[in-house]
């Protein structure tokens, strides 16, 4: 909103201008959406308004554990006592294992698209699904510049 208020733009008067200038450093942002049933993440170029890479637990290869980006993992890895390549059924598609898979696939897809770093607004709570996603994404060599 750009209405004038006492000589300043509205967003400048409200203190948003500092955050907007900070975001301009990197054109890409990572957007993580967690629902009660699924995990979805996107790398968005906010200057162009395009989605450059995405991954979701709704995608069948990620849900089944046979995505090409997950092939580099060993099938003998265990997460919470279960095989890491097991199929995610029902509400398991919103678990920490699903968030980890989405992070791995998103990191590899973004690196394949030529994106090596992005901005990420770190939420207040940093554990569980969010932490699993963040660690998996960073393990692919993708760099996140966090802002609080």
N, C-alpha and C. Protein backbone atom coordinates (compact mmCIF):
# COMPACT_ATOMS: atom_id res chain seq x y z
N UNK A 1 0.85 -1.17 0.00
CA UNK A 1 0.00 0.00 0.00
C UNK A 1 0.89 1.23 0.00
N UNK A 2 0.61 2.17 -0.85
CA UNK A 2 1.51 3.30 -0.99
C UNK A 2 0.80 4.63 -0.80
N UNK A 3 -0.08 4.72 0.15
CA UNK A 3 -0.75 5.99 0.41
C UNK A 3 0.18 6.91 1.20
N UNK A 4 0.06 8.21 0.97
CA UNK A 4 0.92 9.18 1.63
C UNK A 4 0.39 9.47 3.05
N UNK A 5 1.30 9.51 4.01
CA UNK A 5 0.97 9.91 5.37
C UNK A 5 2.10 10.77 5.89
N UNK A 6 1.85 12.02 6.04
CA UNK A 6 2.80 12.99 6.57
C UNK A 6 4.16 12.93 5.87
N UNK A 7 4.14 12.88 4.53
CA UNK A 7 5.38 12.96 3.78
C UNK A 7 6.10 11.64 3.57
N UNK A 8 5.69 10.57 4.24
CA UNK A 8 6.33 9.27 4.06
C UNK A 8 5.32 8.30 3.46
N UNK A 9 5.82 7.32 2.77
CA UNK A 9 4.93 6.27 2.32
C UNK A 9 4.44 5.48 3.51
N UNK A 10 3.27 4.90 3.38
CA UNK A 10 2.66 4.19 4.50
C UNK A 10 3.57 3.07 5.02
N UNK A 11 4.15 2.26 4.11
CA UNK A 11 4.97 1.15 4.58
C UNK A 11 6.25 1.64 5.24
N UNK A 12 6.75 2.81 4.85
CA UNK A 12 7.92 3.35 5.52
C UNK A 12 7.56 3.83 6.93
N UNK A 13 6.38 4.43 7.06
CA UNK A 13 5.94 4.92 8.36
C UNK A 13 5.71 3.76 9.32
N UNK A 14 5.34 2.61 8.81
CA UNK A 14 5.06 1.46 9.66
C UNK A 14 6.30 0.63 9.97
N UNK A 15 7.44 0.96 9.39
CA UNK A 15 8.67 0.24 9.69
C UNK A 15 8.95 -0.93 8.76
N UNK A 16 8.17 -1.07 7.70
CA UNK A 16 8.36 -2.20 6.79
C UNK A 16 9.50 -1.96 5.81
N UNK A 17 9.89 -0.72 5.60
CA UNK A 17 10.89 -0.40 4.58
C UNK A 17 12.22 -1.07 4.89
N UNK A 18 12.59 -1.17 6.15
CA UNK A 18 13.86 -1.79 6.53
C UNK A 18 13.86 -3.26 6.13
N UNK A 19 12.76 -3.96 6.38
CA UNK A 19 12.69 -5.38 6.04
C UNK A 19 12.67 -5.58 4.53
N UNK A 20 11.99 -4.71 3.81
CA UNK A 20 11.93 -4.83 2.35
C UNK A 20 13.32 -4.63 1.76
N UNK A 21 14.09 -3.65 2.25
CA UNK A 21 15.44 -3.44 1.75
C UNK A 21 16.32 -4.65 2.05
N UNK A 22 16.11 -5.29 3.21
CA UNK A 22 16.91 -6.46 3.57
C UNK A 22 16.62 -7.62 2.62
N UNK A 23 15.36 -7.78 2.21
CA UNK A 23 15.00 -8.87 1.32
C UNK A 23 15.58 -8.68 -0.07
N UNK A 24 15.87 -7.45 -0.45
CA UNK A 24 16.36 -7.19 -1.79
C UNK A 24 17.75 -7.77 -2.02
N UNK A 25 18.44 -8.20 -0.98
CA UNK A 25 19.77 -8.76 -1.14
C UNK A 25 19.74 -10.03 -1.99
N UNK A 26 18.78 -10.89 -1.75
CA UNK A 26 18.65 -12.13 -2.51
C UNK A 26 17.30 -12.18 -3.21
N UNK A 27 17.28 -12.53 -4.49
CA UNK A 27 16.01 -12.54 -5.20
C UNK A 27 15.13 -13.75 -4.90
N UNK A 28 15.70 -14.80 -4.33
CA UNK A 28 14.94 -16.02 -4.08
C UNK A 28 14.57 -16.16 -2.61
N UNK A 29 13.39 -16.72 -2.37
CA UNK A 29 12.91 -16.99 -1.02
C UNK A 29 12.41 -18.42 -0.96
N UNK A 30 12.61 -19.07 0.18
CA UNK A 30 12.08 -20.40 0.41
C UNK A 30 10.80 -20.25 1.21
N UNK A 31 9.73 -20.84 0.70
CA UNK A 31 8.43 -20.79 1.36
C UNK A 31 8.07 -22.21 1.75
N UNK A 32 7.87 -22.43 3.03
CA UNK A 32 7.52 -23.75 3.57
C UNK A 32 6.08 -23.69 4.07
N UNK A 33 5.26 -24.61 3.58
CA UNK A 33 3.86 -24.68 3.99
C UNK A 33 3.63 -26.02 4.67
N UNK A 34 3.22 -25.97 5.93
CA UNK A 34 2.93 -27.18 6.69
C UNK A 34 1.43 -27.23 6.96
N UNK A 35 0.80 -28.33 6.59
CA UNK A 35 -0.60 -28.54 6.94
C UNK A 35 -0.67 -29.78 7.80
N UNK A 36 -1.86 -30.12 8.22
CA UNK A 36 -2.01 -31.31 9.06
C UNK A 36 -1.83 -32.60 8.26
N UNK A 37 -1.85 -32.50 6.92
CA UNK A 37 -1.72 -33.70 6.10
C UNK A 37 -0.52 -33.71 5.16
N UNK A 38 0.07 -32.54 4.86
CA UNK A 38 1.12 -32.50 3.85
C UNK A 38 2.17 -31.44 4.16
N UNK A 39 3.32 -31.58 3.50
CA UNK A 39 4.42 -30.62 3.58
C UNK A 39 4.70 -30.16 2.16
N UNK A 40 4.78 -28.84 1.96
CA UNK A 40 5.04 -28.30 0.64
C UNK A 40 6.06 -27.18 0.77
N UNK A 41 7.02 -27.13 -0.15
CA UNK A 41 8.04 -26.08 -0.12
C UNK A 41 8.31 -25.61 -1.54
N UNK A 42 8.62 -24.30 -1.66
CA UNK A 42 8.90 -23.70 -2.96
C UNK A 42 10.07 -22.74 -2.83
N UNK A 43 10.83 -22.62 -3.91
CA UNK A 43 11.83 -21.57 -4.04
C UNK A 43 11.24 -20.59 -5.05
N UNK A 44 10.96 -19.37 -4.57
CA UNK A 44 10.26 -18.37 -5.37
C UNK A 44 11.20 -17.22 -5.67
N UNK A 45 11.23 -16.79 -6.92
CA UNK A 45 11.94 -15.58 -7.31
C UNK A 45 10.92 -14.45 -7.17
N UNK A 46 11.00 -13.68 -6.10
CA UNK A 46 9.97 -12.68 -5.82
C UNK A 46 10.09 -11.47 -6.74
N UNK A 47 11.23 -11.26 -7.37
CA UNK A 47 11.35 -10.15 -8.33
C UNK A 47 10.56 -10.44 -9.60
N UNK A 48 10.67 -11.67 -10.09
CA UNK A 48 9.97 -12.05 -11.31
C UNK A 48 8.58 -12.61 -11.03
N UNK A 49 8.36 -13.09 -9.81
CA UNK A 49 7.08 -13.69 -9.47
C UNK A 49 6.94 -15.10 -10.00
N UNK A 50 8.05 -15.84 -10.07
CA UNK A 50 8.02 -17.21 -10.58
C UNK A 50 8.45 -18.20 -9.52
N UNK A 51 7.97 -19.42 -9.65
CA UNK A 51 8.40 -20.52 -8.79
C UNK A 51 9.49 -21.26 -9.54
N UNK A 52 10.70 -21.26 -9.00
CA UNK A 52 11.83 -21.87 -9.69
C UNK A 52 12.04 -23.33 -9.34
N UNK A 53 11.63 -23.74 -8.15
CA UNK A 53 11.74 -25.15 -7.75
C UNK A 53 10.67 -25.41 -6.70
N UNK A 54 10.15 -26.62 -6.69
CA UNK A 54 9.15 -26.98 -5.70
C UNK A 54 9.22 -28.46 -5.38
N UNK A 55 8.76 -28.79 -4.19
CA UNK A 55 8.66 -30.18 -3.77
C UNK A 55 7.50 -30.28 -2.77
N UNK A 56 6.81 -31.39 -2.79
CA UNK A 56 5.65 -31.56 -1.93
C UNK A 56 5.48 -33.03 -1.58
N UNK A 57 4.93 -33.29 -0.41
CA UNK A 57 4.65 -34.67 -0.04
C UNK A 57 3.45 -35.20 -0.81
N UNK A 58 2.78 -34.36 -1.58
CA UNK A 58 1.70 -34.80 -2.46
C UNK A 58 2.24 -35.49 -3.71
N UNK A 59 3.48 -35.19 -4.08
CA UNK A 59 4.07 -35.79 -5.28
C UNK A 59 4.37 -37.26 -5.01
N UNK A 60 3.93 -38.09 -5.93
CA UNK A 60 4.02 -39.54 -5.72
C UNK A 60 5.44 -40.06 -5.54
N UNK A 61 6.45 -39.60 -6.31
CA UNK A 61 7.80 -40.13 -6.08
C UNK A 61 8.34 -39.82 -4.68
N UNK A 62 8.00 -38.67 -4.14
CA UNK A 62 8.46 -38.32 -2.79
C UNK A 62 7.72 -39.16 -1.76
N UNK A 63 6.42 -39.31 -1.96
CA UNK A 63 5.62 -40.10 -1.02
C UNK A 63 6.04 -41.56 -1.01
N UNK A 64 6.37 -42.11 -2.18
CA UNK A 64 6.78 -43.51 -2.26
C UNK A 64 8.24 -43.71 -1.91
N UNK A 65 9.03 -42.65 -1.91
CA UNK A 65 10.45 -42.74 -1.56
C UNK A 65 11.34 -43.15 -2.71
N UNK A 66 10.82 -43.08 -3.95
CA UNK A 66 11.64 -43.47 -5.10
C UNK A 66 11.94 -42.30 -6.03
N UNK A 67 11.95 -41.08 -5.50
CA UNK A 67 12.32 -39.92 -6.30
C UNK A 67 13.79 -40.02 -6.69
N UNK A 68 14.16 -39.60 -7.89
CA UNK A 68 15.56 -39.67 -8.30
C UNK A 68 16.50 -38.90 -7.38
N UNK A 69 15.99 -37.83 -6.78
CA UNK A 69 16.81 -37.03 -5.87
C UNK A 69 17.08 -37.75 -4.55
N UNK A 70 16.25 -38.73 -4.22
CA UNK A 70 16.44 -39.50 -2.98
C UNK A 70 17.30 -40.74 -3.21
N UNK A 71 17.68 -41.01 -4.46
CA UNK A 71 18.40 -42.23 -4.79
C UNK A 71 19.79 -42.28 -4.19
N UNK A 72 20.38 -41.13 -3.90
CA UNK A 72 21.75 -41.12 -3.36
C UNK A 72 21.81 -41.57 -1.90
N UNK A 73 20.66 -41.60 -1.23
CA UNK A 73 20.64 -42.06 0.15
C UNK A 73 20.71 -43.58 0.19
N UNK A 74 21.23 -44.10 1.25
CA UNK A 74 21.25 -45.55 1.41
C UNK A 74 19.93 -46.00 1.98
N UNK A 75 19.47 -47.14 1.53
CA UNK A 75 18.19 -47.65 2.01
C UNK A 75 18.31 -48.23 3.42
N UNK A 76 19.52 -48.34 3.93
CA UNK A 76 19.69 -48.88 5.27
C UNK A 76 19.57 -47.81 6.35
N UNK A 77 19.41 -46.51 5.93
CA UNK A 77 19.23 -45.45 6.92
C UNK A 77 17.92 -45.68 7.64
N UNK A 78 17.91 -45.36 8.90
CA UNK A 78 16.67 -45.49 9.65
C UNK A 78 16.32 -44.15 10.27
N UNK A 79 15.05 -43.88 10.26
CA UNK A 79 14.54 -42.68 10.90
C UNK A 79 13.43 -43.13 11.83
N UNK A 80 13.60 -42.91 13.10
CA UNK A 80 12.64 -43.31 14.13
C UNK A 80 12.37 -44.81 14.07
N UNK A 81 13.38 -45.59 13.76
CA UNK A 81 13.22 -47.04 13.75
C UNK A 81 12.60 -47.60 12.49
N UNK A 82 12.22 -46.76 11.54
CA UNK A 82 11.62 -47.24 10.30
C UNK A 82 12.57 -47.02 9.14
N UNK A 83 12.39 -47.75 8.08
CA UNK A 83 13.23 -47.59 6.90
C UNK A 83 12.94 -46.24 6.27
N UNK A 84 13.99 -45.53 5.86
CA UNK A 84 13.84 -44.19 5.31
C UNK A 84 13.14 -44.20 3.95
N UNK A 85 13.15 -45.34 3.24
CA UNK A 85 12.54 -45.40 1.91
C UNK A 85 11.13 -45.96 1.95
N UNK A 86 10.53 -46.09 3.12
CA UNK A 86 9.18 -46.62 3.22
C UNK A 86 8.17 -45.64 2.66
N UNK A 87 7.03 -46.16 2.24
CA UNK A 87 5.98 -45.31 1.68
C UNK A 87 5.31 -44.52 2.80
N UNK A 88 5.01 -43.26 2.53
CA UNK A 88 4.31 -42.42 3.50
C UNK A 88 2.82 -42.55 3.24
N UNK A 89 2.09 -43.10 4.21
CA UNK A 89 0.67 -43.39 4.04
C UNK A 89 -0.13 -42.51 5.01
N UNK A 90 -1.23 -41.95 4.53
CA UNK A 90 -2.13 -41.18 5.38
C UNK A 90 -1.46 -39.97 5.99
N UNK A 91 -1.56 -39.85 7.31
CA UNK A 91 -1.01 -38.69 7.99
C UNK A 91 0.51 -38.73 8.11
N UNK A 92 1.16 -39.81 7.69
CA UNK A 92 2.62 -39.85 7.68
C UNK A 92 3.18 -38.87 6.64
N UNK A 93 2.36 -38.44 5.69
CA UNK A 93 2.83 -37.50 4.69
C UNK A 93 3.01 -36.10 5.27
N UNK A 94 2.73 -35.92 6.55
CA UNK A 94 2.98 -34.65 7.23
C UNK A 94 3.96 -34.84 8.38
N UNK A 95 4.73 -35.92 8.37
CA UNK A 95 5.64 -36.22 9.47
C UNK A 95 7.00 -35.55 9.26
N UNK A 96 7.90 -35.72 10.22
CA UNK A 96 9.24 -35.17 10.08
C UNK A 96 9.99 -35.87 8.95
N UNK A 97 9.70 -37.14 8.73
CA UNK A 97 10.32 -37.85 7.60
C UNK A 97 9.89 -37.25 6.28
N UNK A 98 8.62 -36.88 6.15
CA UNK A 98 8.14 -36.22 4.93
C UNK A 98 8.81 -34.86 4.75
N UNK A 99 8.97 -34.11 5.83
CA UNK A 99 9.63 -32.81 5.75
C UNK A 99 11.10 -32.97 5.35
N UNK A 100 11.75 -34.03 5.84
CA UNK A 100 13.14 -34.29 5.47
C UNK A 100 13.24 -34.62 3.99
N UNK A 101 12.35 -35.47 3.50
CA UNK A 101 12.36 -35.82 2.08
C UNK A 101 12.11 -34.60 1.19
N UNK A 102 11.15 -33.78 1.59
CA UNK A 102 10.84 -32.58 0.81
C UNK A 102 12.04 -31.64 0.80
N UNK A 103 12.74 -31.51 1.93
CA UNK A 103 13.93 -30.67 1.98
C UNK A 103 15.04 -31.17 1.08
N UNK A 104 15.27 -32.48 1.07
CA UNK A 104 16.30 -33.06 0.20
C UNK A 104 15.98 -32.84 -1.27
N UNK A 105 14.74 -33.13 -1.64
CA UNK A 105 14.34 -33.01 -3.04
C UNK A 105 14.35 -31.55 -3.49
N UNK A 106 13.87 -30.65 -2.64
CA UNK A 106 13.87 -29.23 -3.00
C UNK A 106 15.28 -28.70 -3.16
N UNK A 107 16.18 -29.09 -2.27
CA UNK A 107 17.57 -28.64 -2.38
C UNK A 107 18.23 -29.10 -3.66
N UNK A 108 18.01 -30.34 -4.03
CA UNK A 108 18.61 -30.87 -5.26
C UNK A 108 17.98 -30.27 -6.51
N UNK A 109 16.67 -30.04 -6.47
CA UNK A 109 16.01 -29.43 -7.63
C UNK A 109 16.44 -27.97 -7.79
N UNK A 110 16.59 -27.26 -6.69
CA UNK A 110 17.02 -25.86 -6.77
C UNK A 110 18.45 -25.76 -7.27
N UNK A 111 19.33 -26.64 -6.78
CA UNK A 111 20.72 -26.63 -7.26
C UNK A 111 20.79 -26.99 -8.74
N UNK A 112 19.92 -27.89 -9.19
CA UNK A 112 19.88 -28.25 -10.61
C UNK A 112 19.39 -27.07 -11.45
N UNK A 113 18.55 -26.22 -10.87
CA UNK A 113 18.06 -25.05 -11.58
C UNK A 113 19.04 -23.88 -11.51
N UNK A 114 20.17 -24.07 -10.81
CA UNK A 114 21.18 -23.03 -10.73
C UNK A 114 21.04 -22.09 -9.55
N UNK A 115 20.20 -22.43 -8.60
CA UNK A 115 19.99 -21.60 -7.41
C UNK A 115 20.78 -22.21 -6.27
N UNK A 116 21.68 -21.45 -5.70
CA UNK A 116 22.55 -21.96 -4.63
C UNK A 116 22.24 -21.39 -3.26
N UNK A 117 21.52 -20.25 -3.21
CA UNK A 117 21.18 -19.67 -1.92
C UNK A 117 19.87 -18.90 -2.02
N UNK A 118 19.21 -18.76 -0.87
CA UNK A 118 17.93 -18.06 -0.83
C UNK A 118 17.70 -17.48 0.55
N UNK A 119 16.73 -16.62 0.63
CA UNK A 119 16.31 -15.99 1.89
C UNK A 119 15.26 -16.88 2.54
N UNK A 120 15.28 -16.99 3.86
CA UNK A 120 14.29 -17.79 4.57
C UNK A 120 13.94 -17.10 5.87
N UNK A 121 12.67 -16.84 6.09
CA UNK A 121 12.22 -16.25 7.34
C UNK A 121 12.04 -17.37 8.35
N UNK A 122 12.93 -17.44 9.31
CA UNK A 122 12.88 -18.51 10.29
C UNK A 122 11.73 -18.27 11.26
N UNK A 123 10.86 -19.26 11.42
CA UNK A 123 9.74 -19.07 12.33
C UNK A 123 10.20 -19.10 13.79
N UNK A 124 9.30 -18.75 14.70
CA UNK A 124 9.64 -18.70 16.11
C UNK A 124 10.07 -20.05 16.68
N UNK A 125 9.35 -21.08 16.35
CA UNK A 125 9.68 -22.42 16.83
C UNK A 125 10.53 -23.13 15.80
N UNK A 126 11.63 -23.68 16.24
CA UNK A 126 12.57 -24.32 15.31
C UNK A 126 12.85 -25.74 15.80
N UNK A 127 11.89 -26.63 15.63
CA UNK A 127 12.05 -28.02 16.00
C UNK A 127 11.08 -28.86 15.18
N UNK A 128 11.22 -30.15 15.26
CA UNK A 128 10.30 -31.04 14.57
C UNK A 128 10.42 -30.97 13.06
N UNK A 129 9.29 -30.76 12.40
CA UNK A 129 9.24 -30.74 10.94
C UNK A 129 10.08 -29.62 10.35
N UNK A 130 10.05 -28.45 10.97
CA UNK A 130 10.79 -27.31 10.44
C UNK A 130 12.28 -27.56 10.51
N UNK A 131 12.73 -28.10 11.62
CA UNK A 131 14.15 -28.40 11.77
C UNK A 131 14.60 -29.50 10.80
N UNK A 132 13.78 -30.54 10.64
CA UNK A 132 14.11 -31.62 9.70
C UNK A 132 14.21 -31.09 8.28
N UNK A 133 13.28 -30.22 7.90
CA UNK A 133 13.32 -29.62 6.56
C UNK A 133 14.58 -28.78 6.38
N UNK A 134 14.88 -27.92 7.34
CA UNK A 134 16.02 -27.02 7.27
C UNK A 134 17.34 -27.79 7.17
N UNK A 135 17.51 -28.80 8.01
CA UNK A 135 18.75 -29.58 8.00
C UNK A 135 18.91 -30.37 6.71
N UNK A 136 17.82 -30.93 6.19
CA UNK A 136 17.90 -31.68 4.94
C UNK A 136 18.22 -30.75 3.77
N UNK A 137 17.63 -29.57 3.77
CA UNK A 137 17.87 -28.61 2.70
C UNK A 137 19.32 -28.14 2.72
N UNK A 138 19.85 -27.87 3.90
CA UNK A 138 21.24 -27.42 4.01
C UNK A 138 22.23 -28.54 3.72
N UNK A 139 21.83 -29.79 3.93
CA UNK A 139 22.75 -30.90 3.67
C UNK A 139 23.01 -31.11 2.17
N UNK A 140 22.18 -30.53 1.32
CA UNK A 140 22.37 -30.67 -0.13
C UNK A 140 23.34 -29.63 -0.68
N UNK A 141 23.83 -28.73 0.17
CA UNK A 141 24.73 -27.68 -0.28
C UNK A 141 24.01 -26.38 -0.57
N UNK A 142 22.72 -26.34 -0.35
CA UNK A 142 21.90 -25.14 -0.54
C UNK A 142 22.07 -24.26 0.68
N UNK A 143 22.35 -22.97 0.47
CA UNK A 143 22.59 -22.06 1.59
C UNK A 143 21.35 -21.21 1.84
N UNK A 144 20.94 -21.18 3.10
CA UNK A 144 19.81 -20.36 3.50
C UNK A 144 20.29 -19.18 4.33
N UNK A 145 19.89 -18.00 3.95
CA UNK A 145 20.19 -16.81 4.71
C UNK A 145 18.95 -16.54 5.56
N UNK A 146 19.06 -16.81 6.86
CA UNK A 146 17.88 -16.70 7.70
C UNK A 146 17.71 -15.29 8.24
N UNK A 147 16.47 -14.97 8.47
CA UNK A 147 16.14 -13.68 9.06
C UNK A 147 15.12 -13.96 10.15
N UNK A 148 15.23 -13.27 11.23
CA UNK A 148 14.29 -13.47 12.34
C UNK A 148 13.40 -12.29 12.48
